Amino acid sequence: MKTNIIITTRWPVLLLLSGLLLLLVLASLHYASDLTLGETLSALVGKGNLYSVFLIQELRLPRILTAVFSGMALGVAGCLLQTLARNRLATPNIIGLDNGATAFAVASVVAVPVSLATPALALVGAATAAALAFGLSGGPGTQGYRFIVMGVGVGAVFGALTNFMLARADMDSANVAYPWTVGSLNARSEEVIVWLGLALLFCLPLALYLARSLNVMRLSDAVATGLGVHIRRTRWLTLTVTVVLTGFAVALAGPVGMIALAAPEIARRLIASGHVPVPEAALTGSCLMLLADGIGQHAFSPIEIPVGLVTALVGGPYLLWILLRQPGGKTL
């Protein structure tokens, strides 16, 4: 029995890791179509001619890392927030965290054109949106639907603020800020990639730790308290991790929030047990981001579609599917 449990809980992670490795290889070969696999691997470690090293290390590797890191961050953020609010619609993009981070990121481009100002202000924007959504709703607890409705309103306000800033900005600033309104993996700052990588190193272990308490809290606050879970501390830590991951992900890739909606749901369907699927959601998010980026580059080649538009085109119908298949009166 114990062996069966181990196999059941580990095979989704192994499957997702295999899929991620396959997508990484395909992405590398696509980005360097005139290089062989051996030349691509050599360029990754700095060997080979200057052209291949520059192509892989300066142009292609940052884009791949952006997709992997931002997808992983959004997958975990969505998983934690959905579990905390006990509602599958409680994701960073729907409750306004994405819009808050985007508004502040655009403000950093328009008003504070410094590379490190973007992730810092995006983090502040996500935190501000979360604070407003939590404050106006009284917390996600047993009124998760109210938390979502307030978050939608907060997101609408920040969305309007973003549009206002773009309308008032000069043409050059508006062109630079545009990727943060649609989601793009092009020409991302190495500093921001490093910051998101560090955030993942800090937040992933904390998310795995919080998953144990969140798994109990899904039953009810009373049951969780009786089992020794510190409800208030768990909620604030979960919100903090979600804000940090969302803020840095938006600063890096823009609002690609549908990843946070789809990745946790796919992860739950892959696992047999009912635990909070943090590692599965992280890997699924990375796979979805790489897949969406590949579709954006191939669907209408040579025209490239931003990854945010690809996820929105797929995520919109997926959201409708979630709503339509839900029986009346039941919690999402």
C-alpha atoms as a PDB file:
ATOM      1  CA  MET A   1       0.000   0.000   0.000  1.00  0.00           C
ATOM      2  CA  LYS A   2       2.767   2.438   0.918  1.00  0.00           C
ATOM      3  CA  THR A   3       4.545   1.757  -2.377  1.00  0.00           C
ATOM      4  CA  ASN A   4       1.345   2.435  -4.315  1.00  0.00           C
ATOM      5  CA  ILE A   5       0.869   5.756  -2.531  1.00  0.00           C
ATOM      6  CA  ILE A   6       4.427   6.850  -3.313  1.00  0.00           C
ATOM      7  CA  ILE A   7       4.036   5.939  -6.986  1.00  0.00           C
ATOM      8  CA  THR A   8       0.652   7.668  -7.180  1.00  0.00           C
ATOM      9  CA  THR A   9       1.947  10.904  -5.689  1.00  0.00           C
ATOM     10  CA  ARG A  10       5.231  10.986  -7.590  1.00  0.00           C
ATOM     11  CA  TRP A  11       4.278  10.083 -11.138  1.00  0.00           C
ATOM     12  CA  PRO A  12       2.576  13.433 -11.916  1.00  0.00           C
ATOM     13  CA  VAL A  13       5.763  15.281 -10.927  1.00  0.00           C
ATOM     14  CA  LEU A  14       7.889  12.942 -13.036  1.00  0.00           C
ATOM     15  CA  LEU A  15       5.484  13.323 -15.953  1.00  0.00           C
ATOM     16  CA  LEU A  16       5.526  17.115 -15.706  1.00  0.00           C
ATOM     17  CA  LEU A  17       9.313  17.201 -15.371  1.00  0.00           C
ATOM     18  CA  SER A  18       9.612  15.094 -18.514  1.00  0.00           C
ATOM     19  CA  GLY A  19       7.211  17.392 -20.345  1.00  0.00           C
ATOM     20  CA  LEU A  20       9.098  20.468 -19.182  1.00  0.00           C
ATOM     21  CA  LEU A  21      12.434  19.045 -20.339  1.00  0.00           C
ATOM     22  CA  LEU A  22      10.923  18.188 -23.726  1.00  0.00           C
ATOM     23  CA  LEU A  23       9.526  21.705 -24.120  1.00  0.00           C
ATOM     24  CA  LEU A  24      12.882  23.202 -23.115  1.00  0.00           C
ATOM     25  CA  VAL A  25      14.659  21.162 -25.788  1.00  0.00           C
ATOM     26  CA  LEU A  26      12.072  22.086 -28.426  1.00  0.00           C
ATOM     27  CA  ALA A  27      12.256  25.760 -27.461  1.00  0.00           C
ATOM     28  CA  SER A  28      16.050  25.754 -27.639  1.00  0.00           C
ATOM     29  CA  LEU A  29      16.056  24.053 -31.044  1.00  0.00           C
ATOM     30  CA  HIS A  30      13.422  26.431 -32.388  1.00  0.00           C
ATOM     31  CA  TYR A  31      15.230  29.520 -31.164  1.00  0.00           C
ATOM     32  CA  ALA A  32      18.438  28.245 -32.747  1.00  0.00           C
ATOM     33  CA  SER A  33      17.073  26.541 -35.842  1.00  0.00           C
ATOM     34  CA  ASP A  34      20.379  26.842 -37.681  1.00  0.00           C
ATOM     35  CA  LEU A  35      22.286  25.087 -34.868  1.00  0.00           C
ATOM     36  CA  THR A  36      22.451  21.393 -34.088  1.00  0.00           C
ATOM     37  CA  LEU A  37      21.556  20.049 -30.651  1.00  0.00           C
ATOM     38  CA  GLY A  38      25.258  19.577 -29.875  1.00  0.00           C
ATOM     39  CA  GLU A  39      26.083  23.150 -30.891  1.00  0.00           C
ATOM     40  CA  THR A  40      23.190  24.439 -28.795  1.00  0.00           C
ATOM     41  CA  LEU A  41      24.365  22.540 -25.705  1.00  0.00           C
ATOM     42  CA  SER A  42      27.946  23.732 -26.251  1.00  0.00           C
ATOM     43  CA  ALA A  43      26.769  27.337 -26.557  1.00  0.00           C
ATOM     44  CA  LEU A  44      24.902  27.021 -23.246  1.00  0.00           C
ATOM     45  CA  VAL A  45      28.235  26.485 -21.453  1.00  0.00           C
ATOM     46  CA  GLY A  46      30.053  29.153 -23.457  1.00  0.00           C
ATOM     47  CA  LYS A  47      31.723  26.927 -26.049  1.00  0.00           C
ATOM     48  CA  GLY A  48      31.546  27.224 -29.819  1.00  0.00           C
ATOM     49  CA  ASN A  49      31.720  30.230 -32.127  1.00  0.00           C
ATOM     50  CA  LEU A  50      30.771  33.722 -30.987  1.00  0.00           C
ATOM     51  CA  TYR A  51      27.570  33.739 -33.032  1.00  0.00           C
ATOM     52  CA  SER A  52      26.122  30.600 -31.440  1.00  0.00           C
ATOM     53  CA  VAL A  53      27.130  31.670 -27.912  1.00  0.00           C
ATOM     54  CA  PHE A  54      25.562  35.117 -28.389  1.00  0.00           C
ATOM     55  CA  LEU A  55      22.420  33.638 -29.944  1.00  0.00           C
ATOM     56  CA  ILE A  56      21.833  31.180 -27.111  1.00  0.00           C
ATOM     57  CA  GLN A  57      23.113  33.019 -24.024  1.00  0.00           C
ATOM     58  CA  GLU A  58      22.098  36.588 -24.847  1.00  0.00           C
ATOM     59  CA  LEU A  59      18.930  36.188 -26.894  1.00  0.00           C
ATOM     60  CA  ARG A  60      17.362  32.781 -26.329  1.00  0.00           C
ATOM     61  CA  LEU A  61      18.238  31.692 -22.808  1.00  0.00           C
ATOM     62  CA  PRO A  62      16.737  34.830 -21.153  1.00  0.00           C
ATOM     63  CA  ARG A  63      13.456  34.262 -22.989  1.00  0.00           C
ATOM     64  CA  ILE A  64      13.299  30.608 -21.960  1.00  0.00           C
ATOM     65  CA  LEU A  65      14.125  31.449 -18.327  1.00  0.00           C
ATOM     66  CA  THR A  66      11.479  34.173 -18.380  1.00  0.00           C
ATOM     67  CA  ALA A  67       8.862  31.652 -19.505  1.00  0.00           C
ATOM     68  CA  VAL A  68       9.903  28.995 -16.977  1.00  0.00           C
ATOM     69  CA  PHE A  69      10.232  31.314 -13.966  1.00  0.00           C
ATOM     70  CA  SER A  70       7.125  33.422 -14.591  1.00  0.00           C
ATOM     71  CA  GLY A  71       4.986  30.359 -15.357  1.00  0.00           C
ATOM     72  CA  MET A  72       6.206  28.654 -12.208  1.00  0.00           C
ATOM     73  CA  ALA A  73       5.517  31.738 -10.082  1.00  0.00           C
ATOM     74  CA  LEU A  74       2.003  32.235 -11.453  1.00  0.00           C
ATOM     75  CA  GLY A  75       1.162  28.539 -11.109  1.00  0.00           C
ATOM     76  CA  VAL A  76       2.112  28.513  -7.428  1.00  0.00           C
ATOM     77  CA  ALA A  77       0.437  31.867  -6.746  1.00  0.00           C
ATOM     78  CA  GLY A  78      -2.819  30.670  -8.287  1.00  0.00           C
ATOM     79  CA  CYS A  79      -2.705  27.378  -6.397  1.00  0.00           C
ATOM     80  CA  LEU A  80      -2.193  29.066  -3.022  1.00  0.00           C
ATOM     81  CA  LEU A  81      -4.802  31.753  -3.567  1.00  0.00           C
ATOM     82  CA  GLN A  82      -7.462  29.347  -4.827  1.00  0.00           C
ATOM     83  CA  THR A  83      -6.946  27.116  -1.805  1.00  0.00           C
ATOM     84  CA  LEU A  84      -6.949  30.039   0.612  1.00  0.00           C
ATOM     85  CA  ALA A  85     -10.231  31.432  -0.735  1.00  0.00           C
ATOM     86  CA  ARG A  86     -11.733  27.950  -1.293  1.00  0.00           C
ATOM     87  CA  ASN A  87     -12.662  29.052  -4.807  1.00  0.00           C
ATOM     88  CA  ARG A  88     -11.122  28.150  -8.171  1.00  0.00           C
ATOM     89  CA  LEU A  89     -11.766  31.658  -9.498  1.00  0.00           C
ATOM     90  CA  ALA A  90      -9.601  33.288  -6.824  1.00  0.00           C
ATOM     91  CA  THR A  91      -6.504  33.824  -8.957  1.00  0.00           C
ATOM     92  CA  PRO A  92      -4.162  36.841  -9.104  1.00  0.00           C
ATOM     93  CA  ASN A  93      -5.548  38.044 -12.430  1.00  0.00           C
ATOM     94  CA  ILE A  94      -9.214  37.835 -11.431  1.00  0.00           C
ATOM     95  CA  ILE A  95      -8.915  39.476  -7.999  1.00  0.00           C
ATOM     96  CA  GLY A  96      -6.825  42.374  -9.313  1.00  0.00           C
ATOM     97  CA  LEU A  97      -3.263  41.518  -8.276  1.00  0.00           C
ATOM     98  CA  ASP A  98      -2.141  41.373 -11.914  1.00  0.00           C
ATOM     99  CA  ASN A  99      -3.755  44.719 -12.702  1.00  0.00           C
ATOM    100  CA  GLY A 100      -2.254  46.329  -9.618  1.00  0.00           C
ATOM    101  CA  ALA A 101       1.229  45.087 -10.463  1.00  0.00           C
ATOM    102  CA  THR A 102       0.776  46.105 -14.107  1.00  0.00           C
ATOM    103  CA  ALA A 103      -0.350  49.624 -13.197  1.00  0.00           C
ATOM    104  CA  PHE A 104       2.667  50.194 -10.984  1.00  0.00           C
ATOM    105  CA  ALA A 105       5.007  48.594 -13.553  1.00  0.00           C
ATOM    106  CA  VAL A 106       3.694  50.948 -16.230  1.00  0.00           C
ATOM    107  CA  ALA A 107       4.131  53.841 -13.802  1.00  0.00           C
ATOM    108  CA  SER A 108       7.757  52.818 -13.321  1.00  0.00           C
ATOM    109  CA  VAL A 109       8.346  52.940 -17.081  1.00  0.00           C
ATOM    110  CA  VAL A 110       6.549  56.239 -17.550  1.00  0.00           C
ATOM    111  CA  ALA A 111       7.727  58.070 -14.427  1.00  0.00           C
ATOM    112  CA  VAL A 112      10.763  56.168 -13.042  1.00  0.00           C
ATOM    113  CA  PRO A 113      12.693  54.717 -16.010  1.00  0.00           C
ATOM    114  CA  VAL A 114      15.146  52.645 -13.933  1.00  0.00           C
ATOM    115  CA  SER A 115      15.426  48.877 -14.508  1.00  0.00           C
ATOM    116  CA  LEU A 116      15.157  47.844 -10.850  1.00  0.00           C
ATOM    117  CA  ALA A 117      12.239  50.238 -10.246  1.00  0.00           C
ATOM    118  CA  THR A 118       9.909  48.010 -12.279  1.00  0.00           C
ATOM    119  CA  PRO A 119      10.006  44.877 -10.077  1.00  0.00           C
ATOM    120  CA  ALA A 120       9.923  46.982  -6.909  1.00  0.00           C
ATOM    121  CA  LEU A 121       6.878  48.977  -7.974  1.00  0.00           C
ATOM    122  CA  ALA A 122       5.154  45.905  -9.436  1.00  0.00           C
ATOM    123  CA  LEU A 123       5.527  44.276  -6.037  1.00  0.00           C
ATOM    124  CA  VAL A 124       4.035  47.353  -4.372  1.00  0.00           C
ATOM    125  CA  GLY A 125       1.174  47.336  -6.871  1.00  0.00           C
ATOM    126  CA  ALA A 126       0.326  43.687  -6.231  1.00  0.00           C
ATOM    127  CA  ALA A 127       0.478  44.274  -2.471  1.00  0.00           C
ATOM    128  CA  THR A 128      -1.778  47.332  -2.758  1.00  0.00           C
ATOM    129  CA  ALA A 129      -4.361  45.443  -4.805  1.00  0.00           C
ATOM    130  CA  ALA A 130      -4.294  42.518  -2.366  1.00  0.00           C
ATOM    131  CA  ALA A 131      -4.663  44.813   0.639  1.00  0.00           C
ATOM    132  CA  LEU A 132      -7.652  46.560  -0.933  1.00  0.00           C
ATOM    133  CA  ALA A 133      -9.341  43.296  -1.934  1.00  0.00           C
ATOM    134  CA  PHE A 134      -8.791  41.777   1.505  1.00  0.00           C
ATOM    135  CA  GLY A 135      -9.726  44.941   3.368  1.00  0.00           C
ATOM    136  CA  LEU A 136     -12.951  45.571   1.468  1.00  0.00           C
ATOM    137  CA  SER A 137     -14.084  41.943   1.642  1.00  0.00           C
ATOM    138  CA  GLY A 138     -13.068  41.222   5.219  1.00  0.00           C
ATOM    139  CA  GLY A 139     -10.720  38.417   4.105  1.00  0.00           C
ATOM    140  CA  PRO A 140     -11.142  35.387   1.879  1.00  0.00           C
ATOM    141  CA  GLY A 141     -12.172  32.909   4.621  1.00  0.00           C
ATOM    142  CA  THR A 142     -15.775  31.749   4.455  1.00  0.00           C
ATOM    143  CA  GLN A 143     -16.804  34.581   2.098  1.00  0.00           C
ATOM    144  CA  GLY A 144     -14.546  33.754  -0.819  1.00  0.00           C
ATOM    145  CA  TYR A 145     -17.157  34.963  -3.310  1.00  0.00           C
ATOM    146  CA  ARG A 146     -17.119  38.447  -1.727  1.00  0.00           C
ATOM    147  CA  PHE A 147     -13.318  38.471  -1.873  1.00  0.00           C
ATOM    148  CA  ILE A 148     -13.472  37.719  -5.610  1.00  0.00           C
ATOM    149  CA  VAL A 149     -16.115  40.361  -6.354  1.00  0.00           C
ATOM    150  CA  MET A 150     -14.147  43.027  -4.486  1.00  0.00           C
ATOM    151  CA  GLY A 151     -10.987  41.911  -6.274  1.00  0.00           C
ATOM    152  CA  VAL A 152     -12.677  42.301  -9.655  1.00  0.00           C
ATOM    153  CA  GLY A 153     -13.611  45.858  -8.718  1.00  0.00           C
ATOM    154  CA  VAL A 154     -10.089  46.650  -7.524  1.00  0.00           C
ATOM    155  CA  GLY A 155      -8.662  45.200 -10.729  1.00  0.00           C
ATOM    156  CA  ALA A 156     -11.000  47.349 -12.825  1.00  0.00           C
ATOM    157  CA  VAL A 157      -9.799  50.499 -11.057  1.00  0.00           C
ATOM    158  CA  PHE A 158      -6.143  49.620 -11.618  1.00  0.00           C
ATOM    159  CA  GLY A 159      -6.891  48.703 -15.244  1.00  0.00           C
ATOM    160  CA  ALA A 160      -8.424  52.125 -15.804  1.00  0.00           C
ATOM    161  CA  LEU A 161      -5.402  53.741 -14.135  1.00  0.00           C
ATOM    162  CA  THR A 162      -3.070  51.868 -16.497  1.00  0.00           C
ATOM    163  CA  ASN A 163      -5.018  53.034 -19.546  1.00  0.00           C
ATOM    164  CA  PHE A 164      -4.984  56.615 -18.266  1.00  0.00           C
ATOM    165  CA  MET A 165      -1.197  56.580 -17.826  1.00  0.00           C
ATOM    166  CA  LEU A 166      -0.677  55.135 -21.301  1.00  0.00           C
ATOM    167  CA  ALA A 167      -2.974  57.760 -22.795  1.00  0.00           C
ATOM    168  CA  ARG A 168      -1.049  60.575 -21.087  1.00  0.00           C
ATOM    169  CA  ALA A 169       2.450  59.196 -21.740  1.00  0.00           C
ATOM    170  CA  ASP A 170       4.632  60.217 -24.668  1.00  0.00           C
ATOM    171  CA  MET A 171       4.960  57.832 -27.596  1.00  0.00           C
ATOM    172  CA  ASP A 172       8.351  56.399 -26.590  1.00  0.00           C
ATOM    173  CA  SER A 173       7.290  55.650 -23.009  1.00  0.00           C
ATOM    174  CA  ALA A 174       3.991  54.154 -24.172  1.00  0.00           C
ATOM    175  CA  ASN A 175       5.797  51.817 -26.592  1.00  0.00           C
ATOM    176  CA  VAL A 176       8.139  50.637 -23.829  1.00  0.00           C
ATOM    177  CA  ALA A 177       5.266  50.147 -21.364  1.00  0.00           C
ATOM    178  CA  TYR A 178       2.981  48.336 -23.825  1.00  0.00           C
ATOM    179  CA  PRO A 179       4.414  44.819 -23.179  1.00  0.00           C
ATOM    180  CA  TRP A 180       3.354  45.103 -19.531  1.00  0.00           C
ATOM    181  CA  THR A 181      -0.272  45.473 -20.622  1.00  0.00           C
ATOM    182  CA  VAL A 182      -0.468  42.369 -22.848  1.00  0.00           C
ATOM    183  CA  GLY A 183       2.232  40.021 -21.529  1.00  0.00           C
ATOM    184  CA  SER A 184       5.448  39.480 -23.445  1.00  0.00           C
ATOM    185  CA  LEU A 185       8.664  37.468 -23.072  1.00  0.00           C
ATOM    186  CA  ASN A 186      10.760  39.619 -25.387  1.00  0.00           C
ATOM    187  CA  ALA A 187      13.989  41.338 -24.286  1.00  0.00           C
ATOM    188  CA  ARG A 188      13.566  40.907 -20.545  1.00  0.00           C
ATOM    189  CA  SER A 189      16.055  42.416 -18.117  1.00  0.00           C
ATOM    190  CA  GLU A 190      18.557  39.951 -16.670  1.00  0.00           C
ATOM    191  CA  GLU A 191      18.285  41.715 -13.309  1.00  0.00           C
ATOM    192  CA  VAL A 192      14.547  41.032 -13.114  1.00  0.00           C
ATOM    193  CA  ILE A 193      15.084  37.389 -14.122  1.00  0.00           C
ATOM    194  CA  VAL A 194      17.578  37.022 -11.270  1.00  0.00           C
ATOM    195  CA  TRP A 195      15.176  38.680  -8.818  1.00  0.00           C
ATOM    196  CA  LEU A 196      12.340  36.340  -9.773  1.00  0.00           C
ATOM    197  CA  GLY A 197      14.684  33.356  -9.495  1.00  0.00           C
ATOM    198  CA  LEU A 198      15.633  34.434  -5.973  1.00  0.00           C
ATOM    199  CA  ALA A 199      11.966  34.976  -5.108  1.00  0.00           C
ATOM    200  CA  LEU A 200      11.193  31.423  -6.245  1.00  0.00           C
ATOM    201  CA  LEU A 201      14.045  30.028  -4.148  1.00  0.00           C
ATOM    202  CA  PHE A 202      12.547  31.753  -1.113  1.00  0.00           C
ATOM    203  CA  CYS A 203       8.842  31.259  -1.819  1.00  0.00           C
ATOM    204  CA  LEU A 204       8.682  27.668  -3.081  1.00  0.00           C
ATOM    205  CA  PRO A 205       9.845  26.060   0.194  1.00  0.00           C
ATOM    206  CA  LEU A 206       7.519  28.382   2.103  1.00  0.00           C
ATOM    207  CA  ALA A 207       4.633  27.442  -0.208  1.00  0.00           C
ATOM    208  CA  LEU A 208       5.301  23.742   0.392  1.00  0.00           C
ATOM    209  CA  TYR A 209       5.258  24.420   4.131  1.00  0.00           C
ATOM    210  CA  LEU A 210       2.000  26.408   3.922  1.00  0.00           C
ATOM    211  CA  ALA A 211       0.356  23.713   1.789  1.00  0.00           C
ATOM    212  CA  ARG A 212       0.039  21.456   4.834  1.00  0.00           C
ATOM    213  CA  SER A 213      -1.955  24.026   6.782  1.00  0.00           C
ATOM    214  CA  LEU A 214      -3.977  25.093   3.741  1.00  0.00           C
ATOM    215  CA  ASN A 215      -4.904  21.484   3.103  1.00  0.00           C
ATOM    216  CA  VAL A 216      -6.524  21.333   6.546  1.00  0.00           C
ATOM    217  CA  MET A 217      -8.091  24.801   6.211  1.00  0.00           C
ATOM    218  CA  ARG A 218     -10.000  23.648   3.142  1.00  0.00           C
ATOM    219  CA  LEU A 219     -12.302  21.710   5.480  1.00  0.00           C
ATOM    220  CA  SER A 220     -13.227  24.672   7.686  1.00  0.00           C
ATOM    221  CA  ASP A 221     -11.575  27.217   9.948  1.00  0.00           C
ATOM    222  CA  ALA A 222     -13.022  25.497  13.011  1.00  0.00           C
ATOM    223  CA  VAL A 223     -11.572  22.117  12.078  1.00  0.00           C
ATOM    224  CA  ALA A 224      -8.206  23.674  11.216  1.00  0.00           C
ATOM    225  CA  THR A 225      -8.077  25.526  14.536  1.00  0.00           C
ATOM    226  CA  GLY A 226      -8.929  22.339  16.391  1.00  0.00           C
ATOM    227  CA  LEU A 227      -6.031  20.589  14.649  1.00  0.00           C
ATOM    228  CA  GLY A 228      -3.586  23.287  15.705  1.00  0.00           C
ATOM    229  CA  VAL A 229      -3.411  25.423  12.559  1.00  0.00           C
ATOM    230  CA  HIS A 230      -2.729  29.123  13.153  1.00  0.00           C
ATOM    231  CA  ILE A 231      -5.382  30.528  10.799  1.00  0.00           C
ATOM    232  CA  ARG A 232      -4.424  34.208  10.789  1.00  0.00           C
ATOM    233  CA  ARG A 233      -0.700  33.592  10.387  1.00  0.00           C
ATOM    234  CA  THR A 234      -1.264  31.079   7.581  1.00  0.00           C
ATOM    235  CA  ARG A 235      -3.496  33.502   5.699  1.00  0.00           C
ATOM    236  CA  TRP A 236      -1.040  36.378   5.904  1.00  0.00           C
ATOM    237  CA  LEU A 237       1.938  34.226   4.941  1.00  0.00           C
ATOM    238  CA  THR A 238      -0.002  32.773   2.017  1.00  0.00           C
ATOM    239  CA  LEU A 239      -1.020  36.228   0.848  1.00  0.00           C
ATOM    240  CA  THR A 240       2.567  37.462   1.169  1.00  0.00           C
ATOM    241  CA  VAL A 241       3.946  34.604  -0.932  1.00  0.00           C
ATOM    242  CA  THR A 242       1.222  35.159  -3.534  1.00  0.00           C
ATOM    243  CA  VAL A 243       1.938  38.886  -3.740  1.00  0.00           C
ATOM    244  CA  VAL A 244       5.703  38.393  -4.068  1.00  0.00           C
ATOM    245  CA  LEU A 245       5.391  35.773  -6.804  1.00  0.00           C
ATOM    246  CA  THR A 246       2.737  37.716  -8.719  1.00  0.00           C
ATOM    247  CA  GLY A 247       4.586  41.025  -8.458  1.00  0.00           C
ATOM    248  CA  PHE A 248       7.861  39.676  -9.800  1.00  0.00           C
ATOM    249  CA  ALA A 249       6.132  37.560 -12.477  1.00  0.00           C
ATOM    250  CA  VAL A 250       4.254  40.597 -13.807  1.00  0.00           C
ATOM    251  CA  ALA A 251       7.426  42.697 -13.658  1.00  0.00           C
ATOM    252  CA  LEU A 252       9.116  40.066 -15.807  1.00  0.00           C
ATOM    253  CA  ALA A 253       6.440  38.865 -18.241  1.00  0.00           C
ATOM    254  CA  GLY A 254       3.486  41.205 -17.809  1.00  0.00           C
ATOM    255  CA  PRO A 255      -0.082  40.126 -16.983  1.00  0.00           C
ATOM    256  CA  VAL A 256      -0.228  36.488 -18.111  1.00  0.00           C
ATOM    257  CA  GLY A 257      -2.717  35.674 -15.400  1.00  0.00           C
ATOM    258  CA  MET A 258      -4.630  32.861 -17.102  1.00  0.00           C
ATOM    259  CA  ILE A 259      -1.665  30.625 -16.272  1.00  0.00           C
ATOM    260  CA  ALA A 260      -2.591  31.051 -12.600  1.00  0.00           C
ATOM    261  CA  LEU A 261      -6.143  29.945 -13.369  1.00  0.00           C
ATOM    262  CA  ALA A 262      -5.385  26.890 -15.496  1.00  0.00           C
ATOM    263  CA  ALA A 263      -2.193  25.461 -13.961  1.00  0.00           C
ATOM    264  CA  PRO A 264      -3.633  24.566 -10.509  1.00  0.00           C
ATOM    265  CA  GLU A 265      -6.728  22.985 -12.075  1.00  0.00           C
ATOM    266  CA  ILE A 266      -4.646  20.815 -14.405  1.00  0.00           C
ATOM    267  CA  ALA A 267      -2.375  19.881 -11.494  1.00  0.00           C
ATOM    268  CA  ARG A 268      -5.350  18.792  -9.365  1.00  0.00           C
ATOM    269  CA  ARG A 269      -6.589  16.542 -12.139  1.00  0.00           C
ATOM    270  CA  LEU A 270      -3.176  14.894 -12.422  1.00  0.00           C
ATOM    271  CA  ILE A 271      -2.842  13.967  -8.760  1.00  0.00           C
ATOM    272  CA  ALA A 272      -4.830  11.178  -7.155  1.00  0.00           C
ATOM    273  CA  SER A 273      -4.802  12.558  -3.604  1.00  0.00           C
ATOM    274  CA  GLY A 274      -6.487  15.707  -2.363  1.00  0.00           C
ATOM    275  CA  HIS A 275      -3.418  17.603  -1.202  1.00  0.00           C
ATOM    276  CA  VAL A 276      -2.575  21.138  -2.344  1.00  0.00           C
ATOM    277  CA  PRO A 277      -0.574  20.551  -5.567  1.00  0.00           C
ATOM    278  CA  VAL A 278       2.185  23.151  -5.171  1.00  0.00           C
ATOM    279  CA  PRO A 279       5.014  21.371  -7.080  1.00  0.00           C
ATOM    280  CA  GLU A 280       2.609  20.112  -9.733  1.00  0.00           C
ATOM    281  CA  ALA A 281       1.142  23.605 -10.239  1.00  0.00           C
ATOM    282  CA  ALA A 282       4.640  25.094 -10.500  1.00  0.00           C
ATOM    283  CA  LEU A 283       5.723  22.652 -13.205  1.00  0.00           C
ATOM    284  CA  THR A 284       2.396  22.925 -15.028  1.00  0.00           C
ATOM    285  CA  GLY A 285       2.694  26.717 -15.071  1.00  0.00           C
ATOM    286  CA  SER A 286       6.147  26.525 -16.652  1.00  0.00           C
ATOM    287  CA  CYS A 287       4.954  24.029 -19.262  1.00  0.00           C
ATOM    288  CA  LEU A 288       1.913  26.146 -20.145  1.00  0.00           C
ATOM    289  CA  MET A 289       4.012  29.295 -20.495  1.00  0.00           C
ATOM    290  CA  LEU A 290       6.522  27.599 -22.804  1.00  0.00           C
ATOM    291  CA  LEU A 291       3.684  26.070 -24.812  1.00  0.00           C
ATOM    292  CA  ALA A 292       1.864  29.411 -25.123  1.00  0.00           C
ATOM    293  CA  ASP A 293       5.081  31.122 -26.199  1.00  0.00           C
ATOM    294  CA  GLY A 294       5.642  28.472 -28.861  1.00  0.00           C
ATOM    295  CA  ILE A 295       2.091  28.890 -30.171  1.00  0.00           C
ATOM    296  CA  GLY A 296       2.521  32.652 -30.255  1.00  0.00           C
ATOM    297  CA  GLN A 297       5.624  32.340 -32.392  1.00  0.00           C
ATOM    298  CA  HIS A 298       4.313  29.695 -34.823  1.00  0.00           C
ATOM    299  CA  ALA A 299       0.567  30.288 -35.217  1.00  0.00           C
ATOM    300  CA  PHE A 300       0.868  33.321 -37.505  1.00  0.00           C
ATOM    301  CA  SER A 301       4.560  33.185 -38.394  1.00  0.00           C
ATOM    302  CA  PRO A 302       6.403  35.411 -39.209  1.00  0.00           C
ATOM    303  CA  ILE A 303       4.116  37.608 -37.092  1.00  0.00           C
ATOM    304  CA  GLU A 304       4.635  36.947 -33.376  1.00  0.00           C
ATOM    305  CA  ILE A 305       1.689  37.056 -30.978  1.00  0.00           C
ATOM    306  CA  PRO A 306       2.447  38.125 -27.369  1.00  0.00           C
ATOM    307  CA  VAL A 307       2.166  35.263 -24.912  1.00  0.00           C
ATOM    308  CA  GLY A 308      -0.437  37.170 -22.886  1.00  0.00           C
ATOM    309  CA  LEU A 309      -2.809  37.268 -25.855  1.00  0.00           C
ATOM    310  CA  VAL A 310      -2.363  33.534 -26.441  1.00  0.00           C
ATOM    311  CA  THR A 311      -3.210  32.684 -22.831  1.00  0.00           C
ATOM    312  CA  ALA A 312      -6.174  35.073 -22.891  1.00  0.00           C
ATOM    313  CA  LEU A 313      -7.572  33.481 -26.068  1.00  0.00           C
ATOM    314  CA  VAL A 314      -7.365  30.040 -24.472  1.00  0.00           C
ATOM    315  CA  GLY A 315      -8.093  31.102 -20.895  1.00  0.00           C
ATOM    316  CA  GLY A 316     -11.308  32.984 -21.665  1.00  0.00           C
ATOM    317  CA  PRO A 317     -13.199  29.922 -22.961  1.00  0.00           C
ATOM    318  CA  TYR A 318     -11.643  27.852 -20.179  1.00  0.00           C
ATOM    319  CA  LEU A 319     -13.057  30.268 -17.583  1.00  0.00           C
ATOM    320  CA  LEU A 320     -16.495  30.029 -19.185  1.00  0.00           C
ATOM    321  CA  TRP A 321     -16.209  26.234 -19.122  1.00  0.00           C
ATOM    322  CA  ILE A 322     -15.508  26.302 -15.378  1.00  0.00           C
ATOM    323  CA  LEU A 323     -18.555  28.496 -14.764  1.00  0.00           C
ATOM    324  CA  LEU A 324     -20.923  26.541 -17.016  1.00  0.00           C
ATOM    325  CA  ARG A 325     -20.051  23.090 -15.686  1.00  0.00           C
ATOM    326  CA  GLN A 326     -20.471  24.130 -12.041  1.00  0.00           C
ATOM    327  CA  PRO A 327     -23.795  22.933 -10.568  1.00  0.00           C
ATOM    328  CA  GLY A 328     -25.942  25.693  -9.124  1.00  0.00           C
ATOM    329  CA  GLY A 329     -25.458  26.474  -5.476  1.00  0.00           C
ATOM    330  CA  LYS A 330     -22.062  24.820  -5.148  1.00  0.00           C
ATOM    331  CA  THR A 331     -18.806  26.567  -4.355  1.00  0.00           C
ATOM    332  CA  LEU A 332     -16.261  26.835  -7.110  1.00  0.00           C
END
